[in-house]
N, C-alpha and C. Protein backbone atom coordinates (compact mmCIF):
# COMPACT_ATOMS: atom_id res chain seq x y z
N MET A 1 0.72 -1.47 0.15
CA MET A 1 -0.02 -0.19 -0.16
C MET A 1 0.81 1.31 0.10
N GLN A 2 2.06 0.93 -0.06
CA GLN A 2 2.83 2.05 0.45
C GLN A 2 2.99 3.04 -1.13
N ASP A 3 2.99 2.23 -1.79
CA ASP A 3 2.69 2.78 -3.44
C ASP A 3 1.50 4.13 -4.24
N ASP A 4 0.28 3.73 -3.11
CA ASP A 4 -0.77 4.20 -3.37
C ASP A 4 -0.57 5.41 -3.37
N ARG A 5 -0.63 6.29 -4.19
CA ARG A 5 -0.19 8.05 -4.44
C ARG A 5 -1.70 8.84 -5.00
N PHE A 6 -1.86 10.43 -5.10
CA PHE A 6 -2.69 10.81 -5.72
C PHE A 6 -1.64 11.30 -6.99
N LEU A 7 -2.46 11.53 -8.20
CA LEU A 7 -1.76 12.78 -8.96
C LEU A 7 -2.85 13.22 -9.19
N THR A 8 -2.38 14.49 -10.57
CA THR A 8 -3.26 15.20 -10.88
C THR A 8 -3.25 15.17 -12.88
N CYS A 9 -4.63 15.52 -13.07
CA CYS A 9 -4.83 14.81 -14.35
C CYS A 9 -4.35 16.12 -15.16
N THR A 10 -3.34 16.36 -16.40
CA THR A 10 -3.03 16.79 -16.89
C THR A 10 -4.15 17.90 -17.96
N SER A 11 -5.53 17.20 -18.14
CA SER A 11 -6.15 17.62 -18.90
C SER A 11 -7.50 18.92 -18.40
N CYS A 12 -8.10 17.79 -16.78
CA CYS A 12 -8.66 19.08 -16.10
C CYS A 12 -8.10 19.31 -14.97
N ASP A 13 -7.18 18.96 -14.50
CA ASP A 13 -6.54 19.49 -12.89
C ASP A 13 -7.15 18.59 -11.81
N THR A 14 -7.99 17.43 -12.40
CA THR A 14 -8.64 16.27 -11.27
C THR A 14 -7.40 15.81 -10.58
N ARG A 15 -7.37 15.58 -9.20
CA ARG A 15 -6.67 14.95 -8.57
C ARG A 15 -7.41 13.25 -8.51
N PHE A 16 -6.18 12.25 -8.83
CA PHE A 16 -7.45 10.88 -8.85
C PHE A 16 -6.34 10.04 -8.38
N TRP A 17 -7.19 9.13 -7.49
CA TRP A 17 -5.98 8.23 -7.09
C TRP A 17 -4.71 6.86 -7.71
N VAL A 18 -3.76 6.77 -7.50
CA VAL A 18 -3.49 5.44 -8.09
C VAL A 18 -3.03 4.54 -7.25
N GLY A 19 -3.39 3.37 -7.58
CA GLY A 19 -2.69 2.16 -6.72
C GLY A 19 -1.58 1.41 -7.02
N ASP A 20 -1.20 1.12 -6.46
CA ASP A 20 0.44 0.14 -6.40
C ASP A 20 0.11 -0.50 -7.92
N SER A 21 -0.85 -1.14 -8.36
CA SER A 21 -0.77 -1.86 -9.60
C SER A 21 -0.73 -1.42 -10.63
N VAL A 22 -0.11 0.22 -10.74
CA VAL A 22 -0.18 0.59 -12.02
C VAL A 22 1.59 0.51 -12.39
N SER A 23 1.75 -0.33 -13.42
CA SER A 23 3.32 -0.80 -13.76
C SER A 23 3.55 -0.21 -15.15
N ALA A 24 2.98 0.54 -15.98
CA ALA A 24 3.39 0.86 -17.21
C ALA A 24 3.39 2.33 -17.08
N GLY A 25 4.10 2.86 -15.85
CA GLY A 25 4.33 4.25 -15.69
C GLY A 25 2.96 4.96 -15.22
N GLU A 26 3.43 6.39 -14.73
CA GLU A 26 2.38 7.13 -14.25
C GLU A 26 1.45 7.68 -15.22
N PRO A 27 0.08 7.32 -15.07
CA PRO A 27 -0.86 8.21 -16.11
C PRO A 27 -0.77 9.58 -15.87
N ASP A 28 -1.14 10.27 -17.16
CA ASP A 28 -0.87 11.48 -17.62
C ASP A 28 -2.92 12.10 -16.80
N LEU A 29 -3.64 11.40 -17.49
CA LEU A 29 -5.08 11.89 -17.36
C LEU A 29 -5.47 11.14 -16.39
N CYS A 30 -6.97 11.51 -15.84
CA CYS A 30 -7.61 10.78 -14.69
C CYS A 30 -8.31 9.88 -15.56
N PRO A 31 -9.25 8.72 -14.86
CA PRO A 31 -9.94 7.79 -15.57
C PRO A 31 -11.18 8.62 -16.17
N GLY A 32 -11.45 9.50 -16.16
CA GLY A 32 -13.03 10.06 -17.11
C GLY A 32 -12.35 10.41 -17.87
N CYS A 33 -11.22 11.71 -18.24
CA CYS A 33 -10.56 12.09 -19.50
C CYS A 33 -10.06 10.85 -20.33
N ARG A 34 -9.25 9.75 -19.98
CA ARG A 34 -8.97 8.46 -20.23
C ARG A 34 -10.11 8.22 -21.30
N LEU A 35 -11.31 8.53 -20.76
CA LEU A 35 -12.67 7.78 -21.22
C LEU A 35 -13.33 8.27 -22.41
N ILE A 36 -12.93 10.31 -22.36
CA ILE A 36 -13.39 10.86 -23.15
C ILE A 36 -12.70 11.21 -24.48
N LEU A 37 -11.03 11.50 -23.97
CA LEU A 37 -10.27 12.07 -24.88
C LEU A 37 -9.76 10.83 -25.86
N PRO A 38 -9.40 11.39 -27.43
CA PRO A 38 -8.91 10.12 -27.77
C PRO A 38 -7.41 9.70 -27.74
N SER A 39 -6.80 8.87 -27.87
CA SER A 39 -5.42 8.24 -27.65
C SER A 39 -4.65 8.90 -28.10
N ALA A 40 -3.10 8.97 -27.91
CA ALA A 40 -2.14 9.92 -28.82
C ALA A 40 -2.45 9.43 -30.12
N GLY A 41 -2.06 10.94 -30.84
CA GLY A 41 -2.04 10.21 -32.52
C GLY A 41 -3.00 10.04 -33.06
N ARG A 42 -4.17 10.29 -32.30
CA ARG A 42 -6.04 9.72 -32.90
C ARG A 42 -6.63 10.70 -32.68
N GLN A 43 -8.02 10.92 -33.52
CA GLN A 43 -8.70 11.95 -33.22
C GLN A 43 -9.89 10.93 -33.42
N ARG A 44 -10.99 11.83 -33.00
CA ARG A 44 -12.38 11.39 -32.78
C ARG A 44 -13.56 12.14 -34.06
N GLY A 45 -14.34 11.62 -34.10
CA GLY A 45 -15.44 12.33 -35.45
C GLY A 45 -16.22 11.34 -35.28
N VAL A 46 -17.62 11.92 -36.12
CA VAL A 46 -18.79 11.30 -36.31
C VAL A 46 -19.13 10.81 -38.03
N ILE A 47 -19.35 9.74 -38.06
CA ILE A 47 -19.53 9.57 -39.57
C ILE A 47 -20.51 10.05 -40.30
N LYS A 48 -20.39 11.04 -41.18
CA LYS A 48 -21.43 11.63 -41.64
C LYS A 48 -21.73 11.12 -43.03
N PHE A 49 -21.15 10.59 -43.41
CA PHE A 49 -22.11 9.93 -44.93
C PHE A 49 -20.96 8.61 -45.26
N TYR A 50 -21.61 7.45 -45.72
CA TYR A 50 -21.15 6.31 -45.79
C TYR A 50 -22.00 5.68 -47.27
N SER A 51 -21.23 5.12 -48.23
CA SER A 51 -21.61 4.21 -49.47
C SER A 51 -21.14 3.12 -49.05
N THR A 52 -22.18 2.24 -48.87
CA THR A 52 -22.16 0.94 -49.10
C THR A 52 -21.70 0.33 -49.86
N ARG A 53 -22.26 1.14 -51.78
CA ARG A 53 -22.04 0.34 -52.64
C ARG A 53 -20.56 0.82 -52.97
N LYS A 54 -19.96 1.88 -52.95
CA LYS A 54 -18.62 2.81 -53.25
C LYS A 54 -18.14 2.22 -51.89
N LYS A 55 -18.39 1.98 -50.71
CA LYS A 55 -17.47 1.41 -49.76
C LYS A 55 -16.68 2.71 -49.16
N TRP A 56 -16.81 3.94 -48.72
CA TRP A 56 -15.98 4.88 -48.64
C TRP A 56 -16.93 6.02 -48.69
N GLY A 57 -16.49 6.71 -47.28
CA GLY A 57 -17.06 8.09 -46.76
C GLY A 57 -16.50 8.99 -46.23
N PHE A 58 -17.16 9.94 -45.11
CA PHE A 58 -16.39 10.99 -44.59
C PHE A 58 -16.71 10.77 -43.21
N ILE A 59 -15.65 11.84 -42.14
CA ILE A 59 -16.11 11.60 -40.81
C ILE A 59 -15.86 13.04 -40.60
N THR A 60 -16.99 13.46 -40.13
CA THR A 60 -17.05 15.00 -39.18
C THR A 60 -15.75 14.93 -38.36
N GLN A 61 -14.92 15.93 -38.38
CA GLN A 61 -14.21 15.97 -37.30
C GLN A 61 -14.65 17.08 -36.04
N PRO A 62 -14.09 17.12 -35.03
CA PRO A 62 -14.80 18.17 -33.77
C PRO A 62 -14.83 19.87 -34.05
N ASP A 63 -13.60 20.35 -35.18
CA ASP A 63 -13.63 21.11 -35.75
C ASP A 63 -14.15 21.64 -37.31
N GLY A 64 -14.67 20.78 -37.40
CA GLY A 64 -16.15 20.73 -38.54
C GLY A 64 -15.69 20.47 -39.97
N HIS A 65 -13.95 20.36 -40.40
CA HIS A 65 -13.47 19.85 -41.27
C HIS A 65 -14.22 18.69 -41.42
N GLU A 66 -14.28 18.04 -42.75
CA GLU A 66 -14.16 16.55 -43.28
C GLU A 66 -13.45 15.66 -43.45
N VAL A 67 -13.30 14.35 -43.09
CA VAL A 67 -11.97 13.48 -43.93
C VAL A 67 -12.23 12.35 -44.11
N PHE A 68 -11.97 11.61 -45.10
CA PHE A 68 -12.48 10.80 -46.34
C PHE A 68 -12.08 9.71 -45.33
N PHE A 69 -12.27 8.45 -45.69
CA PHE A 69 -12.22 6.98 -45.16
C PHE A 69 -12.68 6.04 -46.22
N HIS A 70 -11.73 4.77 -46.35
CA HIS A 70 -12.25 3.46 -47.26
C HIS A 70 -12.66 2.97 -46.12
N ARG A 71 -13.36 1.70 -46.54
CA ARG A 71 -13.73 0.91 -45.64
C ARG A 71 -12.37 -0.10 -44.91
N SER A 72 -11.57 -0.18 -45.89
CA SER A 72 -10.74 -1.30 -45.72
C SER A 72 -9.98 -0.61 -44.43
N ALA A 73 -10.13 0.66 -43.97
CA ALA A 73 -9.61 1.37 -42.63
C ALA A 73 -10.34 0.96 -41.53
N TRP A 74 -11.52 0.23 -41.67
CA TRP A 74 -12.23 -0.07 -40.62
C TRP A 74 -11.62 -1.38 -40.24
N SER A 75 -11.43 -1.06 -38.38
CA SER A 75 -10.58 -1.87 -38.17
C SER A 75 -11.20 -3.06 -37.02
N SER A 76 -12.85 -2.97 -36.83
CA SER A 76 -13.78 -3.38 -35.96
C SER A 76 -14.32 -5.06 -37.04
N GLU A 77 -13.47 -5.33 -36.45
CA GLU A 77 -13.61 -6.72 -37.34
C GLU A 77 -14.80 -7.45 -36.76
N GLY A 78 -15.78 -7.97 -37.76
CA GLY A 78 -17.25 -8.64 -37.40
C GLY A 78 -17.98 -7.56 -37.29
N GLU A 79 -17.77 -6.13 -37.27
CA GLU A 79 -18.75 -5.30 -36.92
C GLU A 79 -19.61 -5.13 -38.40
N PRO A 80 -20.89 -4.67 -38.37
CA PRO A 80 -21.25 -4.06 -39.26
C PRO A 80 -20.57 -3.34 -39.93
N ALA A 81 -21.06 -2.49 -40.96
CA ALA A 81 -21.05 -1.66 -42.08
C ALA A 81 -20.90 -0.18 -41.06
N PRO A 82 -19.99 1.25 -41.24
CA PRO A 82 -20.17 2.20 -40.61
C PRO A 82 -21.64 2.91 -41.09
N GLN A 83 -21.92 3.23 -40.15
CA GLN A 83 -23.83 4.10 -40.04
C GLN A 83 -23.38 5.66 -40.33
N GLU A 84 -24.23 6.45 -40.70
CA GLU A 84 -24.06 7.71 -40.33
C GLU A 84 -24.36 8.08 -39.14
N GLY A 85 -23.67 9.07 -38.44
CA GLY A 85 -23.78 8.94 -36.91
C GLY A 85 -22.87 8.40 -35.92
N ASP A 86 -22.02 7.27 -36.75
CA ASP A 86 -21.63 6.62 -35.79
C ASP A 86 -20.47 7.39 -35.08
N LEU A 87 -19.85 7.12 -33.77
CA LEU A 87 -18.95 7.78 -32.97
C LEU A 87 -17.80 6.79 -33.47
N VAL A 88 -16.64 7.71 -34.54
CA VAL A 88 -15.34 7.03 -34.24
C VAL A 88 -13.83 7.85 -33.79
N GLU A 89 -13.20 6.73 -33.51
CA GLU A 89 -11.86 7.10 -33.43
C GLU A 89 -10.75 6.46 -34.43
N TYR A 90 -10.07 7.70 -34.88
CA TYR A 90 -9.04 7.59 -35.97
C TYR A 90 -7.74 7.55 -35.93
N ALA A 91 -6.55 7.60 -37.02
CA ALA A 91 -5.80 8.04 -37.09
C ALA A 91 -5.58 8.68 -38.40
N VAL A 92 -4.94 9.58 -39.12
CA VAL A 92 -5.30 10.34 -39.88
C VAL A 92 -3.33 10.39 -40.74
N GLU A 93 -3.66 10.02 -42.34
CA GLU A 93 -2.40 9.93 -42.76
C GLU A 93 -2.37 11.07 -43.83
N SER A 94 -1.43 11.33 -44.45
CA SER A 94 -1.40 12.27 -45.87
C SER A 94 -1.34 11.55 -46.67
N THR A 95 -2.19 11.55 -47.57
CA THR A 95 -1.87 10.98 -48.91
C THR A 95 -1.80 12.02 -50.09
N ASP A 96 -1.87 11.61 -51.65
CA ASP A 96 -1.93 12.23 -52.74
C ASP A 96 -2.78 13.45 -52.91
N ARG A 97 -3.74 12.53 -52.52
CA ARG A 97 -5.11 13.31 -52.44
C ARG A 97 -5.39 13.95 -51.27
N GLY A 98 -4.90 14.23 -50.34
CA GLY A 98 -5.05 14.81 -49.03
C GLY A 98 -5.38 13.90 -47.44
N PRO A 99 -5.82 14.57 -46.84
CA PRO A 99 -5.57 13.58 -45.39
C PRO A 99 -6.83 12.06 -45.83
N GLN A 100 -6.35 11.48 -45.22
CA GLN A 100 -6.80 10.02 -45.09
C GLN A 100 -7.30 9.79 -43.86
N ALA A 101 -8.55 9.27 -43.47
CA ALA A 101 -8.71 8.36 -42.11
C ALA A 101 -8.33 6.97 -42.32
N ILE A 102 -7.42 6.84 -41.02
CA ILE A 102 -7.09 4.99 -40.91
C ILE A 102 -7.19 4.29 -39.95
N ASP A 103 -6.73 3.57 -39.69
CA ASP A 103 -7.62 2.61 -38.68
C ASP A 103 -8.75 2.69 -37.52
N LEU A 104 -9.86 2.98 -38.51
CA LEU A 104 -11.10 3.37 -37.80
C LEU A 104 -11.56 2.31 -36.75
N ARG A 105 -11.92 3.15 -35.75
CA ARG A 105 -12.87 1.80 -34.49
C ARG A 105 -13.89 2.71 -34.10
N HIS A 106 -14.72 2.08 -34.12
CA HIS A 106 -16.27 2.54 -33.51
C HIS A 106 -16.39 2.56 -32.29
N LEU A 107 -16.75 3.49 -31.65
CA LEU A 107 -17.25 3.46 -30.39
C LEU A 107 -18.03 3.39 -29.74
N ASP A 108 -18.41 2.75 -28.86
CA ASP A 108 -19.98 2.74 -28.25
C ASP A 108 -20.59 3.88 -27.24
N LEU A 109 -21.31 4.78 -27.39
CA LEU A 109 -21.77 5.51 -26.80
C LEU A 109 -22.02 4.98 -25.52
N LEU A 110 -21.93 5.53 -24.49
CA LEU A 110 -22.80 5.14 -22.96
C LEU A 110 -24.00 5.31 -22.53
């Protein structure tokens, strides 16, 4: 129990308890921020449009800009095709046609 301690979240300044079971270094974010904020190097957005026939669509990002994605970027194995309004987390890569979302993951709303 001597390794139990309180840390301060770098996003919301909330103090949170960390037990001695943390082995991968100290977390920077509290449990709440880890749940609602995207992982490092990733973004979150909402599926604006998806064509099941053409297998591509667009994601609306929080800043209002849109980013293209292809069905092959959908990493949620066994899940149905993306639907308009789905919340997703993704990485962005630059292509010769502009930014493109890759490694899309469907996020369940609580």
